[in-house]
Amino acid sequence: MSEGTVGGDGRRSPTERLAEDVADVVREEVRAVRAQVGEAARPAGVGVVLLAAAGGCLVLGAGAASTTVLRVLETMLPRRLAAAGLTAGYLVAAVVLGRAGLTQLRAAGGPSARLADDVRDMVTETAGRVLPAGVDAARDELDR
């Protein structure tokens, strides 16, 4: 006779019945949690997709606005000077915003401050390589 059974007629012991009842309750709860998570994740998934689409539209809108500004500048300035001015404006804005962001990261301290220092070092190194190449390209273009 196996442990947990009473007699040879296959009746379950109270321990076995309790174990099966607990297992049934756990299975039902797991199903309920799965259903709740699934219901909660669907709208979140749609929300993430909508936010990604909004970001894409924002990028396209910024590109269209940039093109519009360039076209307006081209009515007042030679084409190359308009493009150079707009590019310089974007670069100045990037530097100002980047410095403000790094200042905020440093002020947060801890890992954020280390990240700010790492980013600053990478930007400095990259700028040290890119700027001379850009200056040379601009000189070549102006010499034509």
Protein backbone atom coordinates (compact mmCIF):
# COMPACT_ATOMS: atom_id res chain seq x y z
CA MET A 1 0.00 0.00 0.00
CA SER A 2 1.39 3.42 -0.95
CA GLU A 3 1.83 6.21 1.53
CA GLY A 4 -1.04 8.64 1.62
CA THR A 5 -3.77 6.22 0.60
CA VAL A 6 -6.15 4.60 3.01
CA GLY A 7 -6.93 0.99 2.23
CA GLY A 8 -6.52 -0.70 -1.12
CA ASP A 9 -9.65 0.72 -2.74
CA GLY A 10 -7.90 3.86 -4.07
CA ARG A 11 -9.44 6.38 -1.71
CA ARG A 12 -7.23 9.46 -1.24
CA SER A 13 -5.90 10.49 2.10
CA PRO A 14 -6.70 13.93 3.51
CA THR A 15 -3.12 14.99 2.72
CA GLU A 16 -3.49 14.06 -0.94
CA ARG A 17 -6.86 15.82 -1.20
CA LEU A 18 -5.39 18.93 0.42
CA ALA A 19 -2.40 18.88 -1.95
CA GLU A 20 -4.68 18.53 -4.98
CA ASP A 21 -6.99 21.28 -3.75
CA VAL A 22 -4.06 23.63 -3.17
CA ALA A 23 -2.67 22.79 -6.61
CA ASP A 24 -6.07 23.54 -8.18
CA VAL A 25 -6.30 26.88 -6.38
CA VAL A 26 -2.75 27.79 -7.45
CA ARG A 27 -3.52 26.86 -11.09
CA GLU A 28 -6.67 29.01 -11.04
CA GLU A 29 -4.76 31.94 -9.56
CA VAL A 30 -1.98 31.61 -12.14
CA ARG A 31 -4.58 31.60 -14.93
CA ALA A 32 -6.23 34.70 -13.44
CA VAL A 33 -2.89 36.52 -13.14
CA ARG A 34 -1.97 35.57 -16.72
CA ALA A 35 -5.29 36.91 -17.96
CA GLN A 36 -4.81 40.17 -16.01
CA VAL A 37 -1.26 40.63 -17.28
CA GLY A 38 -2.38 39.91 -20.83
CA GLU A 39 -5.21 42.42 -20.57
CA ALA A 40 -2.87 45.04 -19.11
CA ALA A 41 -0.11 44.42 -21.65
CA ARG A 42 -2.29 44.77 -24.74
CA PRO A 43 -3.18 48.42 -24.20
CA ALA A 44 0.39 49.14 -23.09
CA GLY A 45 1.70 47.54 -26.29
CA VAL A 46 -0.63 49.67 -28.37
CA GLY A 47 0.45 52.72 -26.37
CA VAL A 48 4.12 51.99 -27.04
CA VAL A 49 3.44 51.60 -30.76
CA LEU A 50 1.50 54.87 -30.79
CA LEU A 51 4.33 56.67 -28.97
CA ALA A 52 6.85 55.28 -31.45
CA ALA A 53 4.68 56.48 -34.34
CA ALA A 54 4.41 59.90 -32.69
CA GLY A 55 8.21 60.01 -32.38
CA GLY A 56 8.55 59.18 -36.07
CA CYS A 57 6.12 61.96 -36.95
CA LEU A 58 8.08 64.33 -34.74
CA VAL A 59 11.30 63.52 -36.59
CA LEU A 60 9.59 64.02 -39.96
CA GLY A 61 8.07 67.29 -38.75
CA ALA A 62 11.46 68.54 -37.56
CA GLY A 63 12.95 67.64 -40.92
CA ALA A 64 10.19 69.47 -42.76
CA ALA A 65 10.61 72.52 -40.51
CA SER A 66 14.36 72.47 -41.13
CA THR A 67 13.79 72.34 -44.88
CA THR A 68 11.35 75.23 -44.64
CA VAL A 69 13.84 77.34 -42.67
CA LEU A 70 16.54 76.51 -45.22
CA ARG A 71 14.28 77.55 -48.12
CA VAL A 72 13.50 80.85 -46.39
CA LEU A 73 17.20 81.50 -45.75
CA GLU A 74 17.96 80.71 -49.39
CA THR A 75 15.68 83.56 -50.47
CA MET A 76 17.88 86.00 -48.52
CA LEU A 77 21.33 84.40 -48.76
CA PRO A 78 23.32 82.38 -51.25
CA ARG A 79 22.46 78.67 -51.04
CA ARG A 80 25.78 77.56 -49.50
CA LEU A 81 25.78 80.34 -46.92
CA ALA A 82 22.17 79.52 -45.94
CA ALA A 83 23.05 75.85 -45.46
CA ALA A 84 26.20 76.72 -43.51
CA GLY A 85 24.29 79.14 -41.27
CA LEU A 86 21.55 76.64 -40.53
CA THR A 87 24.12 73.94 -39.79
CA ALA A 88 26.01 76.28 -37.47
CA GLY A 89 22.78 77.12 -35.68
CA TYR A 90 22.01 73.45 -35.14
CA LEU A 91 25.54 72.80 -33.87
CA VAL A 92 25.39 75.72 -31.42
CA ALA A 93 22.01 74.50 -30.14
CA ALA A 94 23.42 70.98 -29.75
CA VAL A 95 26.39 72.28 -27.76
CA VAL A 96 24.23 74.42 -25.47
CA LEU A 97 21.68 71.64 -24.87
CA GLY A 98 24.42 69.04 -24.43
CA ARG A 99 26.24 71.14 -21.85
CA ALA A 100 23.01 71.74 -19.96
CA GLY A 101 22.30 68.00 -19.96
CA LEU A 102 25.79 67.14 -18.75
CA THR A 103 25.50 69.74 -15.99
CA GLN A 104 22.25 68.13 -14.84
CA LEU A 105 23.84 64.66 -14.87
CA ARG A 106 26.81 65.88 -12.86
CA ALA A 107 24.48 67.55 -10.35
CA ALA A 108 22.63 64.23 -9.88
CA GLY A 109 25.90 62.68 -8.67
CA GLY A 110 26.80 59.00 -8.42
CA PRO A 111 26.60 56.95 -11.61
CA SER A 112 25.01 59.88 -13.43
CA ALA A 113 28.07 62.06 -12.78
CA ARG A 114 30.36 59.29 -14.05
CA LEU A 115 28.19 58.97 -17.16
CA ALA A 116 28.43 62.72 -17.71
CA ASP A 117 32.23 62.57 -17.49
CA ASP A 118 32.37 59.61 -19.89
CA VAL A 119 30.11 61.36 -22.40
CA ARG A 120 32.16 64.56 -22.16
CA ASP A 121 35.37 62.63 -22.81
CA MET A 122 33.88 60.81 -25.81
CA VAL A 123 32.51 64.02 -27.31
CA THR A 124 35.82 65.80 -26.82
CA GLU A 125 37.71 62.97 -28.49
CA THR A 126 35.27 62.78 -31.41
CA ALA A 127 35.24 66.55 -31.89
CA GLY A 128 39.04 66.54 -31.90
CA ARG A 129 38.94 64.25 -34.93
CA VAL A 130 35.90 65.62 -36.75
CA LEU A 131 36.46 69.37 -36.53
CA PRO A 132 39.81 69.45 -38.37
CA ALA A 133 38.30 67.33 -41.15
CA GLY A 134 35.31 69.69 -41.35
CA VAL A 135 37.55 72.75 -41.48
CA ASP A 136 39.61 71.19 -44.28
CA ALA A 137 36.45 70.34 -46.24
CA ALA A 138 35.13 73.89 -45.81
CA ARG A 139 38.44 75.37 -47.01
CA ASP A 140 38.44 73.10 -50.05
CA GLU A 141 34.88 74.15 -50.87
CA LEU A 142 35.66 77.86 -50.49
CA ASP A 143 38.80 77.54 -52.64
CA ARG A 144 36.74 76.35 -55.62
